[in-house]
Amino acid sequence: MLRTSSRDPRTMIILLILIVVVMSPLDYYLHTRTSPQDPEEISKIPIGSTVVAEMQVADPARIRKEPLIIHPDYLIKNIQDGDIGAVIYGLLTGTMMTPIKDITEGVGPGGRASEFEGPGMLTIKGDKLVVQPPANFIWAYKTPYTYAVKTEDGIVIVEKNKTIKRLSPKEIGNVASDYINATELEKWYKEAKVGDRIAIDFSLSNFSDGRLEVPPEDITRFFGERTKKYMEEYPEGAPIMAYMHHYRVEEVAEATSQLESYPEYDDIAREYNAKEFVKAWNGTIVPPGTSSPGKDTVQFTSSRDPKAPGGYASHGTCPPARALRDAVAQAGLPTPTGMSWGYFALIYGFDPATDVKVYNDGKYPIMIIMWTRGSGPSMVIHAKILRLVPM
């Protein structure tokens, strides 16, 4: 009779109910006496790391296990969560993993980041390990990560103060970089002194949301090819809008200027310089609270000018500078560094692209749009300021 009754489903249900009734007070007692597990203990990667969907962020092996007899509810929760691995482990060992949803947010069964759009960040909130989805805008700064350092017998490649490679002068041309080509590196080597260094690869650091530095090899993976291309065009230290989504564009200001004719400074060269200025600044994004230069991938030509320091100046850059300055002023932003309110808007000694800086003291990012119409002295230069507002 005992054997028969033990197989009766009703008997089994009653036994389970009795176990829960008996163990619940003990469970409550243990929970009030046991401190929660430190979320950092279960993290697979450092807190502050950039995270994308399905990335392994928690290590199930590090999650606290409890006797199954004390926590039959953990078995039920893990079944409901679809964490089959935890269920099998618990049934085989008699110890059940704390349900991952009880100690995390944005983390699915097995410790992988749940589905979300864009580059998230691993963080801690209270007693939970949390995958924080990205804000509307994330920006950082272009930061030297890898250097070539000249030695007495060649160069060494250094990352984070650690030498990773030594090259003879003949091998310098084999250095692969998205920021400097072999010819430029060889020219630098010939002119540099022993101990001089030059940056050949860059990371993103000092993020707006406090996340950890992202090394060069992960930039495209986390932020896309467009961000990498933008980085390649701007100088060291420039703010880089790494990610943006769910925003609208508001046109807040527009200004124009005309090239006009100054034949004594070579109008053909002036037109070239004006177009290079426009190319340098078109598409530049300035996050709030930052100052941005233009691109450093442009080149200006110099014309003879006895009034200029050194006797030469990049004439033709003042007309587009006036358009940019006036548009920035209409947008309610400060006068760009390197500009004045005179007819000749650029201050001597400031590179029109990399020394001039636009400061955004507003609440939202801005984008500078520049273009030209026509050619010759009648060419008109347009500058527009767009505000990027989160939705």
Protein backbone atom coordinates (compact mmCIF):
# COMPACT_ATOMS: atom_id res chain seq x y z
CA MET A 1 0.00 0.00 0.00
CA LEU A 2 2.79 2.40 0.82
CA ARG A 3 4.46 1.73 -2.53
CA THR A 4 1.22 2.32 -4.37
CA SER A 5 0.41 5.53 -2.54
CA SER A 6 3.90 6.93 -3.16
CA ARG A 7 3.18 6.77 -6.86
CA ASP A 8 -0.10 8.59 -6.49
CA PRO A 9 0.31 12.10 -8.05
CA ARG A 10 -1.86 13.56 -5.34
CA THR A 11 0.53 12.25 -2.71
CA MET A 12 3.50 13.81 -4.52
CA ILE A 13 1.74 17.17 -4.73
CA ILE A 14 0.95 17.06 -1.02
CA LEU A 15 4.60 16.24 -0.24
CA LEU A 16 5.82 19.18 -2.34
CA ILE A 17 3.37 21.51 -0.62
CA LEU A 18 4.59 20.29 2.77
CA ILE A 19 8.21 20.88 1.73
CA VAL A 20 7.45 24.42 0.63
CA VAL A 21 5.45 25.14 3.81
CA VAL A 22 8.22 23.80 6.01
CA MET A 23 11.13 25.35 4.13
CA SER A 24 9.65 28.81 3.50
CA PRO A 25 10.30 30.06 7.06
CA LEU A 26 13.82 28.65 6.89
CA ASP A 27 14.33 30.29 3.50
CA TYR A 28 13.19 33.63 4.89
CA TYR A 29 15.50 33.25 7.88
CA LEU A 30 18.50 32.46 5.69
CA HIS A 31 17.77 35.36 3.35
CA THR A 32 17.61 37.83 6.20
CA ARG A 33 20.85 36.48 7.64
CA THR A 34 22.78 36.19 4.34
CA SER A 35 24.12 39.26 2.57
CA PRO A 36 23.29 39.55 -1.17
CA GLN A 37 25.98 38.45 -3.58
CA ASP A 38 28.17 41.25 -4.92
CA PRO A 39 27.08 41.75 -8.57
CA GLU A 40 30.70 42.27 -9.63
CA GLU A 41 31.45 38.70 -8.50
CA ILE A 42 29.27 37.25 -11.24
CA SER A 43 30.41 39.60 -14.00
CA LYS A 44 32.22 38.01 -16.93
CA ILE A 45 33.70 41.35 -18.05
CA PRO A 46 34.72 44.54 -16.21
CA ILE A 47 32.00 46.86 -14.99
CA GLY A 48 31.70 49.77 -17.41
CA SER A 49 32.43 47.65 -20.49
CA THR A 50 30.54 48.25 -23.71
CA VAL A 51 28.00 45.51 -24.39
CA VAL A 52 26.02 44.43 -27.44
CA ALA A 53 23.07 42.02 -27.59
CA GLU A 54 23.89 38.33 -26.97
CA MET A 55 27.29 39.18 -25.49
CA GLN A 56 28.31 37.05 -22.49
CA VAL A 57 28.19 39.38 -19.49
CA ALA A 58 27.52 37.11 -16.50
CA ASP A 59 29.27 33.87 -15.55
CA PRO A 60 26.74 31.28 -14.30
CA ALA A 61 29.56 29.35 -12.61
CA ARG A 62 30.10 32.30 -10.25
CA ILE A 63 26.45 32.70 -9.28
CA ARG A 64 25.67 31.59 -5.74
CA LYS A 65 24.12 28.11 -5.42
CA GLU A 66 21.66 27.07 -2.72
CA PRO A 67 20.48 23.58 -1.61
CA LEU A 68 17.51 22.58 -3.73
CA ILE A 69 15.65 21.35 -0.66
CA ILE A 70 15.81 24.90 0.78
CA HIS A 71 14.98 26.62 -2.50
CA PRO A 72 12.55 24.53 -4.53
CA ASP A 73 11.22 27.90 -5.74
CA TYR A 74 14.54 28.45 -7.56
CA LEU A 75 13.83 25.30 -9.57
CA ILE A 76 10.42 26.65 -10.57
CA LYS A 77 11.80 30.11 -11.47
CA ASN A 78 14.62 28.69 -13.56
CA ILE A 79 12.13 26.50 -15.42
CA GLN A 80 9.90 29.53 -16.03
CA ASP A 81 12.90 31.56 -17.23
CA GLY A 82 13.89 28.81 -19.65
CA ASP A 83 17.32 28.40 -18.05
CA ILE A 84 17.64 24.71 -18.83
CA GLY A 85 21.32 24.62 -17.91
CA ALA A 86 20.58 25.78 -14.37
CA VAL A 87 17.73 23.26 -14.05
CA ILE A 88 19.85 20.31 -15.17
CA TYR A 89 22.73 21.40 -12.91
CA GLY A 90 20.39 21.70 -9.94
CA LEU A 91 18.77 18.30 -10.46
CA LEU A 92 22.15 16.59 -10.85
CA THR A 93 23.89 18.27 -7.90
CA GLY A 94 21.05 19.04 -5.52
CA THR A 95 22.07 22.70 -5.46
CA MET A 96 20.16 25.30 -7.43
CA MET A 97 21.60 28.48 -8.97
CA THR A 98 19.98 31.73 -7.90
CA PRO A 99 17.61 32.64 -10.75
CA ILE A 100 19.51 35.02 -12.98
CA LYS A 101 16.57 37.42 -13.24
CA ASP A 102 16.66 37.88 -9.45
CA ILE A 103 20.18 39.33 -9.56
CA THR A 104 20.41 40.97 -13.01
CA GLU A 105 18.59 43.25 -15.42
CA GLY A 106 18.89 42.99 -19.18
CA VAL A 107 20.55 39.58 -18.88
CA GLY A 108 18.99 36.41 -20.23
CA PRO A 109 19.44 32.70 -19.43
CA GLY A 110 23.05 31.61 -19.61
CA GLY A 111 24.33 35.07 -18.73
CA ARG A 112 24.04 36.71 -22.16
CA ALA A 113 22.85 40.27 -22.72
CA SER A 114 19.22 40.45 -23.79
CA GLU A 115 18.11 41.95 -27.09
CA PHE A 116 18.41 45.75 -27.29
CA GLU A 117 19.43 48.33 -29.87
CA GLY A 118 22.94 49.75 -29.96
CA PRO A 119 25.97 49.62 -27.65
CA GLY A 120 24.88 49.18 -24.04
CA MET A 121 27.03 49.33 -20.92
CA LEU A 122 27.52 46.89 -18.07
CA THR A 123 26.85 48.55 -14.75
CA ILE A 124 25.60 47.89 -11.21
CA LYS A 125 22.35 49.16 -9.71
CA GLY A 126 21.81 48.22 -6.09
CA ASP A 127 22.35 44.48 -5.76
CA LYS A 128 21.94 43.75 -9.47
CA LEU A 129 24.24 43.39 -12.45
CA VAL A 130 22.63 45.52 -15.15
CA VAL A 131 23.03 45.88 -18.90
CA GLN A 132 22.13 49.53 -19.44
CA PRO A 133 20.81 50.33 -22.94
CA PRO A 134 22.50 53.25 -24.72
CA ALA A 135 21.34 56.83 -24.34
CA ASN A 136 20.21 58.81 -27.39
CA PHE A 137 23.71 60.22 -27.75
CA ILE A 138 27.06 58.78 -26.71
CA TRP A 139 30.27 60.65 -27.35
CA ALA A 140 33.90 60.24 -26.40
CA TYR A 141 37.32 61.62 -27.35
CA LYS A 142 39.86 60.43 -29.91
CA THR A 143 42.76 59.28 -27.75
CA PRO A 144 46.22 57.99 -28.72
CA TYR A 145 46.46 54.28 -28.00
CA THR A 146 49.44 53.01 -29.98
CA TYR A 147 52.68 54.90 -30.58
CA ALA A 148 55.73 54.46 -32.77
CA VAL A 149 58.81 55.54 -30.79
CA LYS A 150 62.13 56.23 -32.49
CA THR A 151 65.13 54.30 -31.13
CA GLU A 152 68.79 54.26 -32.10
CA ASP A 153 68.23 51.28 -34.37
CA GLY A 154 64.65 51.70 -35.65
CA ILE A 155 61.33 52.07 -33.87
CA VAL A 156 59.35 50.30 -31.18
CA ILE A 157 55.57 50.00 -31.19
CA VAL A 158 54.13 50.80 -27.76
CA GLU A 159 50.63 50.23 -26.39
CA LYS A 160 49.71 51.31 -22.86
CA ASN A 161 53.41 51.78 -21.99
CA LYS A 162 54.16 48.23 -23.10
CA THR A 163 56.45 47.47 -26.03
CA ILE A 164 54.74 45.03 -28.39
CA LYS A 165 57.07 45.11 -31.41
CA ARG A 166 60.54 46.24 -32.51
CA LEU A 167 61.23 47.20 -36.13
CA SER A 168 64.37 48.04 -38.06
CA PRO A 169 64.36 51.08 -40.39
CA LYS A 170 63.71 48.78 -43.37
CA GLU A 171 60.60 47.35 -41.68
CA ILE A 172 58.93 50.67 -40.90
CA GLY A 173 57.02 50.56 -44.18
CA ASN A 174 55.27 47.39 -42.97
CA VAL A 175 53.43 49.18 -40.17
CA ALA A 176 49.68 49.05 -40.85
CA SER A 177 47.62 52.00 -39.64
CA ASP A 178 44.34 53.66 -40.60
CA TYR A 179 45.75 57.01 -39.50
CA ILE A 180 49.22 57.26 -41.03
CA ASN A 181 50.59 55.64 -44.18
CA ALA A 182 54.04 54.15 -44.69
CA THR A 183 55.38 57.21 -46.53
CA GLU A 184 54.32 59.57 -43.75
CA LEU A 185 55.79 57.30 -41.06
CA GLU A 186 59.11 56.97 -42.90
CA LYS A 187 59.27 60.76 -43.35
CA TRP A 188 58.61 61.23 -39.64
CA TYR A 189 61.34 58.71 -38.79
CA LYS A 190 63.94 60.58 -40.85
CA GLU A 191 63.12 63.90 -39.17
CA ALA A 192 62.50 62.67 -35.60
CA LYS A 193 65.02 62.46 -32.77
CA VAL A 194 65.64 59.36 -30.66
CA GLY A 195 62.85 59.19 -28.06
CA ASP A 196 60.32 61.07 -30.20
CA ARG A 197 56.98 59.36 -30.68
CA ILE A 198 54.01 59.56 -33.01
CA ALA A 199 50.51 58.16 -32.50
CA ILE A 200 49.58 55.52 -35.07
CA ASP A 201 46.32 54.18 -33.63
CA PHE A 202 43.56 55.63 -31.47
CA SER A 203 40.93 54.56 -28.96
CA LEU A 204 37.77 56.22 -27.71
CA SER A 205 37.94 57.31 -24.08
CA ASN A 206 36.32 59.67 -21.54
CA PHE A 207 32.83 58.67 -22.63
CA SER A 208 29.85 60.88 -21.88
CA ASP A 209 28.15 58.03 -19.96
CA GLY A 210 31.26 56.99 -18.03
CA ARG A 211 31.90 53.69 -19.78
CA LEU A 212 35.40 52.26 -20.08
CA GLU A 213 37.81 53.08 -22.88
CA VAL A 214 37.15 51.20 -26.12
CA PRO A 215 40.37 50.03 -27.85
CA PRO A 216 40.90 50.46 -31.61
CA GLU A 217 40.01 46.88 -32.53
CA ASP A 218 36.53 47.16 -30.96
CA ILE A 219 35.40 50.55 -32.28
CA THR A 220 33.82 49.29 -35.50
CA ARG A 221 32.28 46.30 -33.70
CA PHE A 222 30.54 48.43 -31.10
CA PHE A 223 29.89 51.72 -32.89
CA GLY A 224 30.01 50.94 -36.60
CA GLU A 225 32.15 51.81 -39.60
CA ARG A 226 30.76 55.36 -39.80
CA THR A 227 32.17 56.23 -36.37
CA LYS A 228 35.57 54.81 -37.31
CA LYS A 229 35.63 56.84 -40.54
CA TYR A 230 34.66 59.99 -38.64
CA MET A 231 37.54 59.38 -36.21
CA GLU A 232 40.01 59.04 -39.07
CA GLU A 233 39.16 62.52 -40.33
CA TYR A 234 39.52 64.47 -37.07
CA PRO A 235 42.60 65.30 -35.00
CA GLU A 236 43.69 63.82 -31.71
CA GLY A 237 41.57 65.02 -28.78
CA ALA A 238 38.50 65.82 -30.90
CA PRO A 239 35.09 64.85 -29.51
CA ILE A 240 33.60 61.95 -31.45
CA MET A 241 29.87 61.23 -31.56
CA ALA A 242 30.17 57.46 -31.23
CA TYR A 243 26.46 56.64 -31.34
CA MET A 244 23.15 58.41 -31.79
CA HIS A 245 19.59 57.22 -32.28
CA HIS A 246 15.97 58.29 -31.79
CA TYR A 247 16.45 62.02 -32.38
CA ARG A 248 15.00 64.75 -34.56
CA VAL A 249 16.84 67.47 -36.46
CA GLU A 250 16.02 71.16 -35.95
CA GLU A 251 17.46 73.85 -38.19
CA VAL A 252 18.43 76.73 -35.90
CA ALA A 253 20.65 79.05 -37.96
CA GLU A 254 22.00 79.74 -41.45
CA ALA A 255 24.42 82.33 -42.80
CA THR A 256 26.13 83.07 -46.11
CA SER A 257 29.13 84.97 -47.42
CA GLN A 258 30.69 85.62 -50.83
CA LEU A 259 34.22 84.85 -51.95
CA GLU A 260 34.73 88.17 -53.79
CA SER A 261 37.91 89.05 -55.68
CA TYR A 262 41.39 89.82 -54.37
CA PRO A 263 43.61 89.16 -57.40
CA GLU A 264 46.75 90.17 -55.48
CA TYR A 265 46.26 86.97 -53.41
CA ASP A 266 45.44 84.74 -56.41
CA ASP A 267 41.69 84.22 -56.73
CA ILE A 268 42.14 80.63 -57.94
CA ALA A 269 44.07 79.74 -54.78
CA ARG A 270 41.51 81.60 -52.67
CA GLU A 271 38.64 79.59 -54.18
CA TYR A 272 40.53 76.38 -53.49
CA ASN A 273 41.11 77.36 -49.86
CA ALA A 274 37.47 78.36 -49.39
CA LYS A 275 36.32 74.96 -50.63
CA GLU A 276 38.83 73.19 -48.38
CA PHE A 277 37.47 75.14 -45.39
CA VAL A 278 33.95 74.03 -46.28
CA LYS A 279 35.15 70.42 -46.63
CA ALA A 280 36.89 70.65 -43.24
CA TRP A 281 33.77 71.73 -41.37
CA ASN A 282 30.89 70.14 -43.25
CA GLY A 283 29.35 67.32 -41.19
CA THR A 284 31.15 68.20 -37.95
CA ILE A 285 29.16 67.23 -34.85
CA VAL A 286 29.78 69.13 -31.61
CA PRO A 287 28.35 67.38 -28.51
CA PRO A 288 27.10 69.56 -25.63
CA GLY A 289 29.82 70.92 -23.39
CA THR A 290 32.61 70.21 -25.89
CA SER A 291 34.77 72.13 -28.37
CA SER A 292 35.40 70.61 -31.77
CA PRO A 293 37.89 71.42 -34.52
CA GLY A 294 37.30 70.64 -38.16
CA LYS A 295 38.85 67.77 -40.10
CA ASP A 296 42.61 67.43 -40.35
CA THR A 297 42.43 65.67 -43.73
CA VAL A 298 42.34 68.93 -45.74
CA GLN A 299 45.22 71.02 -47.04
CA PHE A 300 45.40 74.75 -47.61
CA THR A 301 47.65 76.60 -50.01
CA SER A 302 49.50 79.77 -49.00
CA SER A 303 49.73 83.08 -50.83
CA ARG A 304 52.33 85.78 -50.42
CA ASP A 305 51.21 88.38 -47.85
CA PRO A 306 53.73 90.82 -46.33
CA LYS A 307 51.28 91.60 -43.50
CA ALA A 308 51.03 88.00 -42.33
CA PRO A 309 53.42 86.42 -39.79
CA GLY A 310 56.03 84.62 -41.88
CA GLY A 311 54.99 86.46 -45.01
CA TYR A 312 52.37 83.93 -46.15
CA ALA A 313 48.70 83.26 -45.39
CA SER A 314 45.91 80.89 -46.48
CA HIS A 315 43.81 83.55 -48.18
CA GLY A 316 40.27 82.58 -49.17
CA THR A 317 39.47 81.01 -45.81
CA CYS A 318 38.00 84.18 -44.31
CA PRO A 319 34.76 84.21 -46.37
CA PRO A 320 33.69 80.70 -45.26
CA ALA A 321 34.91 81.55 -41.75
CA ARG A 322 32.54 84.53 -41.71
CA ALA A 323 29.65 82.28 -42.74
CA LEU A 324 30.46 79.77 -40.02
CA ARG A 325 31.00 82.46 -37.37
CA ASP A 326 27.71 84.17 -38.21
CA ALA A 327 25.72 80.91 -38.20
CA VAL A 328 27.24 79.95 -34.85
CA ALA A 329 26.31 83.36 -33.43
CA GLN A 330 22.74 83.09 -34.73
CA ALA A 331 22.48 79.75 -32.96
CA GLY A 332 23.33 81.52 -29.70
CA LEU A 333 26.74 79.89 -29.31
CA PRO A 334 30.06 81.56 -28.38
CA THR A 335 32.41 82.95 -31.02
CA PRO A 336 34.64 80.10 -32.23
CA THR A 337 38.21 80.01 -30.96
CA GLY A 338 40.57 81.53 -33.55
CA MET A 339 37.99 83.91 -35.01
CA SER A 340 37.30 87.60 -34.58
CA TRP A 341 34.38 89.83 -35.54
CA GLY A 342 36.33 91.70 -38.16
CA TYR A 343 35.91 91.39 -41.91
CA PHE A 344 38.96 89.13 -41.91
CA ALA A 345 37.36 86.62 -39.57
CA LEU A 346 40.33 84.30 -39.04
CA ILE A 347 43.06 85.31 -36.63
CA TYR A 348 46.57 84.94 -38.03
CA GLY A 349 48.39 81.89 -36.71
CA PHE A 350 45.30 79.69 -36.36
CA ASP A 351 44.92 76.77 -38.72
CA PRO A 352 41.46 77.22 -40.32
CA ALA A 353 40.57 73.57 -39.73
CA THR A 354 42.33 72.21 -36.66
CA ASP A 355 43.07 75.32 -34.54
CA VAL A 356 39.67 76.92 -34.93
CA LYS A 357 37.21 75.33 -32.50
CA VAL A 358 33.45 75.62 -32.14
CA TYR A 359 32.21 75.37 -28.56
CA ASN A 360 28.70 74.06 -27.89
CA ASP A 361 27.41 75.42 -24.59
CA GLY A 362 23.88 74.23 -25.33
CA LYS A 363 21.92 71.25 -24.04
CA TYR A 364 21.95 69.16 -27.23
CA PRO A 365 24.48 68.20 -29.92
CA ILE A 366 24.80 70.40 -33.00
CA MET A 367 25.84 69.55 -36.54
CA ILE A 368 27.57 71.99 -38.89
CA ILE A 369 26.59 71.82 -42.54
CA MET A 370 28.54 73.83 -45.14
CA TRP A 371 28.39 74.00 -48.93
CA THR A 372 29.12 76.34 -51.85
CA ARG A 373 27.20 77.56 -54.90
CA GLY A 374 28.74 78.95 -58.04
CA SER A 375 32.43 79.54 -58.69
CA GLY A 376 34.98 82.32 -58.88
CA PRO A 377 34.59 85.63 -57.00
CA SER A 378 30.79 85.31 -57.05
CA MET A 379 30.84 81.94 -55.28
CA VAL A 380 28.48 81.91 -52.29
CA ILE A 381 29.38 79.97 -49.14
CA HIS A 382 26.59 78.63 -46.93
CA ALA A 383 26.80 77.56 -43.30
CA LYS A 384 23.94 75.96 -41.38
CA ILE A 385 23.63 74.86 -37.76
CA LEU A 386 21.40 71.89 -36.96
CA ARG A 387 20.34 70.92 -33.45
CA LEU A 388 19.95 67.19 -32.69
CA VAL A 389 17.16 66.72 -30.16
CA PRO A 390 16.37 63.38 -28.48
CA MET A 391 12.88 61.99 -29.05
